[in-house]
Amino acid sequence: MTTFKASADIVEVNRYDFEIVADTKEEAESKLKTYLETHCPYPYDHDMVDGVRCIDREPAMETRETESITLK
């Protein structure tokens, strides 16, 4: 029997909660979108960045789709 090595690109869903300092709901949404485009939140990432703080993360994630699999 042969052993194969493989790589897979998998899209996963992580659920985070945020605290956003803003004057309006629209501004808060804009700040969060900008934050997520420029930062990758992670557990215990509690620093305030441009008015946005990651405050919690659900301890589980789910796999949404497999982008590709490559056998080596």
Protein backbone atom coordinates (compact mmCIF):
# COMPACT_ATOMS: atom_id res chain seq x y z
CA MET A 1 0.00 0.00 0.00
CA THR A 2 1.28 3.51 -0.88
CA THR A 3 1.15 6.60 1.32
CA PHE A 4 0.23 9.85 -0.39
CA LYS A 5 0.80 13.36 0.88
CA ALA A 6 -1.83 15.99 0.10
CA SER A 7 -2.52 19.70 0.58
CA ALA A 8 -6.00 21.18 0.88
CA ASP A 9 -7.27 24.76 0.84
CA ILE A 10 -10.35 24.82 3.10
CA VAL A 11 -12.70 27.72 3.79
CA GLU A 12 -13.76 27.78 7.46
CA VAL A 13 -16.21 29.93 9.37
CA ASN A 14 -15.05 31.49 12.63
CA ARG A 15 -17.46 33.47 14.79
CA TYR A 16 -16.11 36.54 16.60
CA ASP A 17 -17.79 39.28 18.63
CA PHE A 18 -16.56 42.85 18.38
CA GLU A 19 -16.86 46.09 20.31
CA ILE A 20 -16.92 49.16 18.03
CA VAL A 21 -16.68 52.82 19.04
CA ALA A 22 -18.74 54.88 16.55
CA ASP A 23 -21.42 57.55 16.36
CA THR A 24 -23.81 55.65 14.07
CA LYS A 25 -24.61 52.08 13.11
CA GLU A 26 -23.40 52.82 9.57
CA GLU A 27 -20.07 54.13 10.85
CA ALA A 28 -19.69 51.06 13.07
CA GLU A 29 -20.34 48.76 10.12
CA SER A 30 -17.83 50.66 7.99
CA LYS A 31 -15.18 50.52 10.73
CA LEU A 32 -15.69 46.77 11.18
CA LYS A 33 -15.42 46.12 7.42
CA THR A 34 -12.19 48.13 7.27
CA TYR A 35 -10.83 46.34 10.35
CA LEU A 36 -11.55 42.91 8.84
CA GLU A 37 -9.94 43.87 5.52
CA THR A 38 -6.71 44.89 7.26
CA HIS A 39 -6.57 42.62 10.36
CA CYS A 40 -7.03 38.95 11.08
CA PRO A 41 -8.81 38.57 14.45
CA TYR A 42 -7.71 35.78 16.74
CA PRO A 43 -8.59 34.52 20.22
CA TYR A 44 -7.36 36.81 23.00
CA ASP A 45 -6.84 39.68 20.52
CA HIS A 46 -8.27 42.40 22.78
CA ASP A 47 -6.37 45.44 21.47
CA MET A 48 -8.47 48.38 20.22
CA VAL A 49 -7.52 49.15 16.60
CA ASP A 50 -9.14 52.16 14.88
CA GLY A 51 -12.12 51.97 17.24
CA VAL A 52 -12.64 48.20 16.89
CA ARG A 53 -11.86 45.52 19.48
CA CYS A 54 -12.27 41.75 19.08
CA ILE A 55 -13.82 40.73 22.40
CA ASP A 56 -14.72 37.08 22.03
CA ARG A 57 -14.65 34.07 19.76
CA GLU A 58 -16.91 31.07 19.63
CA PRO A 59 -14.72 28.07 20.49
CA ALA A 60 -15.73 26.04 17.45
CA MET A 61 -15.56 26.61 13.75
CA GLU A 62 -17.24 24.90 10.84
CA THR A 63 -15.92 23.97 7.42
CA ARG A 64 -17.87 25.58 4.59
CA GLU A 65 -16.15 24.26 1.50
CA THR A 66 -12.99 22.68 0.23
CA GLU A 67 -11.36 24.94 -2.36
CA SER A 68 -8.83 22.48 -3.72
CA ILE A 69 -6.95 19.29 -2.95
CA THR A 70 -3.53 18.53 -4.38
CA LEU A 71 -1.86 15.16 -4.09
CA LYS A 72 1.93 15.22 -3.92
